[in-house]
Amino acid sequence: MKYTVLWVRRAEAKLAQIWSEAADRTAVTHAANSLDTELGNDPEKCGESRANGERILIVSPLAVTFRDETDDRIVRVVDVWRFRRQ
């Protein structure tokens, strides 16, 4: 069963800013779409756990923090940032 992926307003605004400032907009768009797909399929197996019931998932060039609301079949993306490999 699929999950509904919701981006909180702050995360959505940050994603728009990242995209508008990116030299590689296609890569940002592809990463955002991949994040939505992965989180919508099985968020419990995505990424790594963090404090307060949050998880982190990286799909370069983006990374997100999200919450899995399993009972409601909802995933909330609460933060996004540009991820740069070192």
C-alpha atoms as a PDB file:
ATOM      1  CA  MET A   1       0.000   0.000   0.000  1.00  0.00           C
ATOM      2  CA  LYS A   2       1.322   3.432  -0.945  1.00  0.00           C
ATOM      3  CA  TYR A   3       1.942   6.383   1.335  1.00  0.00           C
ATOM      4  CA  THR A   4       0.958   9.982   0.654  1.00  0.00           C
ATOM      5  CA  VAL A   5       4.015  12.243   0.678  1.00  0.00           C
ATOM      6  CA  LEU A   6       3.382  15.753   1.992  1.00  0.00           C
ATOM      7  CA  TRP A   7       5.977  18.510   2.120  1.00  0.00           C
ATOM      8  CA  VAL A   8       5.467  21.036   4.922  1.00  0.00           C
ATOM      9  CA  ARG A   9       5.413  24.619   3.627  1.00  0.00           C
ATOM     10  CA  ARG A  10       8.866  25.489   4.914  1.00  0.00           C
ATOM     11  CA  ALA A  11      10.410  22.449   3.202  1.00  0.00           C
ATOM     12  CA  GLU A  12       8.511  23.164   0.004  1.00  0.00           C
ATOM     13  CA  ALA A  13       9.748  26.769   0.022  1.00  0.00           C
ATOM     14  CA  LYS A  14      13.339  25.636   0.633  1.00  0.00           C
ATOM     15  CA  LEU A  15      13.089  23.173  -2.260  1.00  0.00           C
ATOM     16  CA  ALA A  16      11.860  25.959  -4.546  1.00  0.00           C
ATOM     17  CA  GLN A  17      14.779  28.151  -3.469  1.00  0.00           C
ATOM     18  CA  ILE A  18      17.291  25.337  -4.012  1.00  0.00           C
ATOM     19  CA  TRP A  19      15.857  24.722  -7.475  1.00  0.00           C
ATOM     20  CA  SER A  20      15.840  28.396  -8.462  1.00  0.00           C
ATOM     21  CA  GLU A  21      19.473  28.848  -7.396  1.00  0.00           C
ATOM     22  CA  ALA A  22      20.713  25.573  -8.907  1.00  0.00           C
ATOM     23  CA  ALA A  23      22.933  25.396 -11.952  1.00  0.00           C
ATOM     24  CA  ASP A  24      21.778  21.778 -12.285  1.00  0.00           C
ATOM     25  CA  ARG A  25      17.989  22.186 -12.080  1.00  0.00           C
ATOM     26  CA  THR A  26      17.386  18.899 -13.881  1.00  0.00           C
ATOM     27  CA  ALA A  27      19.329  17.009 -11.200  1.00  0.00           C
ATOM     28  CA  VAL A  28      17.380  18.760  -8.425  1.00  0.00           C
ATOM     29  CA  THR A  29      14.071  17.963 -10.121  1.00  0.00           C
ATOM     30  CA  HIS A  30      15.070  14.332 -10.631  1.00  0.00           C
ATOM     31  CA  ALA A  31      16.177  14.002  -6.992  1.00  0.00           C
ATOM     32  CA  ALA A  32      12.934  15.534  -5.682  1.00  0.00           C
ATOM     33  CA  ASN A  33      10.881  13.160  -7.825  1.00  0.00           C
ATOM     34  CA  SER A  34      12.965  10.188  -6.665  1.00  0.00           C
ATOM     35  CA  LEU A  35      12.502  11.213  -3.033  1.00  0.00           C
ATOM     36  CA  ASP A  36       8.734  11.349  -3.503  1.00  0.00           C
ATOM     37  CA  THR A  37       8.738   7.921  -5.145  1.00  0.00           C
ATOM     38  CA  GLU A  38      10.927   6.251  -2.521  1.00  0.00           C
ATOM     39  CA  LEU A  39       9.055   7.784   0.401  1.00  0.00           C
ATOM     40  CA  GLY A  40       5.711   6.915  -1.151  1.00  0.00           C
ATOM     41  CA  ASN A  41       6.636   3.259  -1.546  1.00  0.00           C
ATOM     42  CA  ASP A  42       8.122   2.251   1.806  1.00  0.00           C
ATOM     43  CA  PRO A  43       9.316   5.051   4.111  1.00  0.00           C
ATOM     44  CA  GLU A  44      10.094   2.677   6.985  1.00  0.00           C
ATOM     45  CA  LYS A  45      12.964   1.236   4.934  1.00  0.00           C
ATOM     46  CA  CYS A  46      14.234   4.578   3.601  1.00  0.00           C
ATOM     47  CA  GLY A  47      17.252   6.359   4.953  1.00  0.00           C
ATOM     48  CA  GLU A  48      18.471   6.388   8.527  1.00  0.00           C
ATOM     49  CA  SER A  49      16.721   7.067  11.811  1.00  0.00           C
ATOM     50  CA  ARG A  50      17.256  10.265  13.761  1.00  0.00           C
ATOM     51  CA  ALA A  51      15.987  11.692  17.051  1.00  0.00           C
ATOM     52  CA  ASN A  52      12.317  12.425  17.720  1.00  0.00           C
ATOM     53  CA  GLY A  53      11.008   9.812  15.294  1.00  0.00           C
ATOM     54  CA  GLU A  54      12.502  11.506  12.251  1.00  0.00           C
ATOM     55  CA  ARG A  55      14.502   9.917   9.474  1.00  0.00           C
ATOM     56  CA  ILE A  56      16.949  11.291   6.912  1.00  0.00           C
ATOM     57  CA  LEU A  57      17.146  10.278   3.263  1.00  0.00           C
ATOM     58  CA  ILE A  58      19.726  11.409   0.712  1.00  0.00           C
ATOM     59  CA  VAL A  59      19.155  11.394  -3.022  1.00  0.00           C
ATOM     60  CA  SER A  60      21.958  13.525  -4.351  1.00  0.00           C
ATOM     61  CA  PRO A  61      21.948  16.473  -4.749  1.00  0.00           C
ATOM     62  CA  LEU A  62      19.198  16.669  -2.084  1.00  0.00           C
ATOM     63  CA  ALA A  63      18.702  15.405   1.439  1.00  0.00           C
ATOM     64  CA  VAL A  64      15.490  15.460   3.463  1.00  0.00           C
ATOM     65  CA  THR A  65      14.328  14.895   7.004  1.00  0.00           C
ATOM     66  CA  PHE A  66      10.937  13.237   7.203  1.00  0.00           C
ATOM     67  CA  ARG A  67       8.406  11.736   9.587  1.00  0.00           C
ATOM     68  CA  ASP A  68       6.562   8.512   8.859  1.00  0.00           C
ATOM     69  CA  GLU A  69       2.968   8.528  10.116  1.00  0.00           C
ATOM     70  CA  THR A  70       2.390   4.825   9.517  1.00  0.00           C
ATOM     71  CA  ASP A  71      -1.141   4.626  10.916  1.00  0.00           C
ATOM     72  CA  ASP A  72      -2.323   7.334   8.512  1.00  0.00           C
ATOM     73  CA  ARG A  73      -0.089   6.176   5.612  1.00  0.00           C
ATOM     74  CA  ILE A  74       1.433   9.665   5.404  1.00  0.00           C
ATOM     75  CA  VAL A  75       5.034  10.810   5.127  1.00  0.00           C
ATOM     76  CA  ARG A  76       5.798  14.433   6.011  1.00  0.00           C
ATOM     77  CA  VAL A  77       8.954  15.969   4.605  1.00  0.00           C
ATOM     78  CA  VAL A  78       9.925  18.521   7.237  1.00  0.00           C
ATOM     79  CA  ASP A  79      13.252  19.800   5.894  1.00  0.00           C
ATOM     80  CA  VAL A  80      15.327  19.721   2.717  1.00  0.00           C
ATOM     81  CA  TRP A  81      18.822  20.914   1.906  1.00  0.00           C
ATOM     82  CA  ARG A  82      21.434  20.718  -0.791  1.00  0.00           C
ATOM     83  CA  PHE A  83      23.659  17.695  -0.167  1.00  0.00           C
ATOM     84  CA  ARG A  84      27.246  17.877  -1.308  1.00  0.00           C
ATOM     85  CA  ARG A  85      29.477  14.855  -1.178  1.00  0.00           C
ATOM     86  CA  GLN A  86      32.871  15.532   0.314  1.00  0.00           C
END
